[in-house]
Amino acid sequence: MIRFRLREVREQRELTQLELAERVGVRQATISDLETGRAKTLRLTLLDALCNALQAEPAELIEYDPPKRRKSA
């Protein structure tokens, strides 16, 4: 499972959703959708813009938690 850590990083940088949205050039609702999981996709160009605005690496914003494998009997 991939988890997007946008809210955590944004709050560490002490930015509001609106401030980040203005820096990136998107609506505040877009940032909200990304943070709440309502957005199911993320364009690489938007990821790049978010990284630039937050001065972060993509790995800081995206966390991968592999699914647990079931043990076979």
Protein backbone atom coordinates (compact mmCIF):
# COMPACT_ATOMS: atom_id res chain seq x y z
CA MET A 1 0.00 0.00 0.00
CA ILE A 2 1.24 3.48 -0.85
CA ARG A 3 0.59 6.24 1.66
CA PHE A 4 0.98 9.90 0.82
CA ARG A 5 2.49 11.88 3.72
CA LEU A 6 1.64 15.34 2.40
CA ARG A 7 -0.18 16.58 5.51
CA GLU A 8 2.65 15.58 7.85
CA VAL A 9 5.33 17.24 5.74
CA ARG A 10 3.21 20.35 5.11
CA GLU A 11 2.58 20.78 8.83
CA GLN A 12 6.29 20.29 9.60
CA ARG A 13 6.96 23.18 7.21
CA GLU A 14 4.26 25.19 9.03
CA LEU A 15 2.19 25.79 5.90
CA THR A 16 -1.58 25.85 5.54
CA GLN A 17 -3.29 23.98 2.73
CA LEU A 18 -4.02 27.32 1.08
CA GLU A 19 -0.39 28.50 1.29
CA LEU A 20 0.85 25.26 -0.24
CA ALA A 21 -1.81 25.36 -2.94
CA GLU A 22 -0.79 28.90 -3.89
CA ARG A 23 2.90 27.90 -4.06
CA VAL A 24 2.08 24.93 -6.27
CA GLY A 25 -0.56 26.62 -8.41
CA VAL A 26 -3.53 24.40 -7.58
CA ARG A 27 -6.76 24.85 -5.66
CA GLN A 28 -6.80 24.31 -1.90
CA ALA A 29 -9.35 21.55 -2.54
CA THR A 30 -6.69 19.64 -4.51
CA ILE A 31 -4.36 19.67 -1.51
CA SER A 32 -7.23 18.58 0.74
CA ASP A 33 -8.15 15.73 -1.62
CA LEU A 34 -4.54 14.51 -1.64
CA GLU A 35 -4.28 14.65 2.13
CA THR A 36 -7.54 12.84 2.81
CA GLY A 37 -7.09 10.16 0.16
CA ARG A 38 -10.00 11.33 -1.99
CA ALA A 39 -7.56 11.84 -4.87
CA LYS A 40 -6.76 8.42 -6.28
CA THR A 41 -4.00 9.54 -8.65
CA LEU A 42 -1.12 11.98 -8.54
CA ARG A 43 0.51 13.41 -11.65
CA LEU A 44 4.30 13.37 -11.57
CA THR A 45 4.33 17.06 -12.48
CA LEU A 46 2.25 17.80 -9.37
CA LEU A 47 4.50 15.62 -7.22
CA ASP A 48 7.50 17.56 -8.54
CA ALA A 49 5.81 20.89 -7.78
CA LEU A 50 4.91 19.74 -4.27
CA CYS A 51 8.49 18.61 -3.65
CA ASN A 52 9.81 21.97 -4.83
CA ALA A 53 7.33 23.94 -2.72
CA LEU A 54 8.05 21.87 0.38
CA GLN A 55 11.78 21.50 -0.28
CA ALA A 56 11.34 17.77 0.06
CA GLU A 57 12.35 14.63 -1.79
CA PRO A 58 9.63 12.38 -3.27
CA ALA A 59 10.57 9.64 -0.79
CA GLU A 60 9.69 12.04 2.02
CA LEU A 61 6.14 12.42 0.66
CA ILE A 62 5.47 8.83 -0.39
CA GLU A 63 5.62 5.87 1.94
CA TYR A 64 5.31 2.27 0.75
CA ASP A 65 3.99 -0.34 3.14
CA PRO A 66 4.02 -3.71 1.40
CA PRO A 67 0.99 -5.92 2.00
CA LYS A 68 1.45 -8.66 4.56
CA ARG A 69 1.75 -12.03 2.98
CA ARG A 70 -0.49 -14.72 4.32
CA LYS A 71 1.29 -17.84 5.46
CA SER A 72 0.25 -20.90 3.55
CA ALA A 73 -0.90 -23.92 5.50
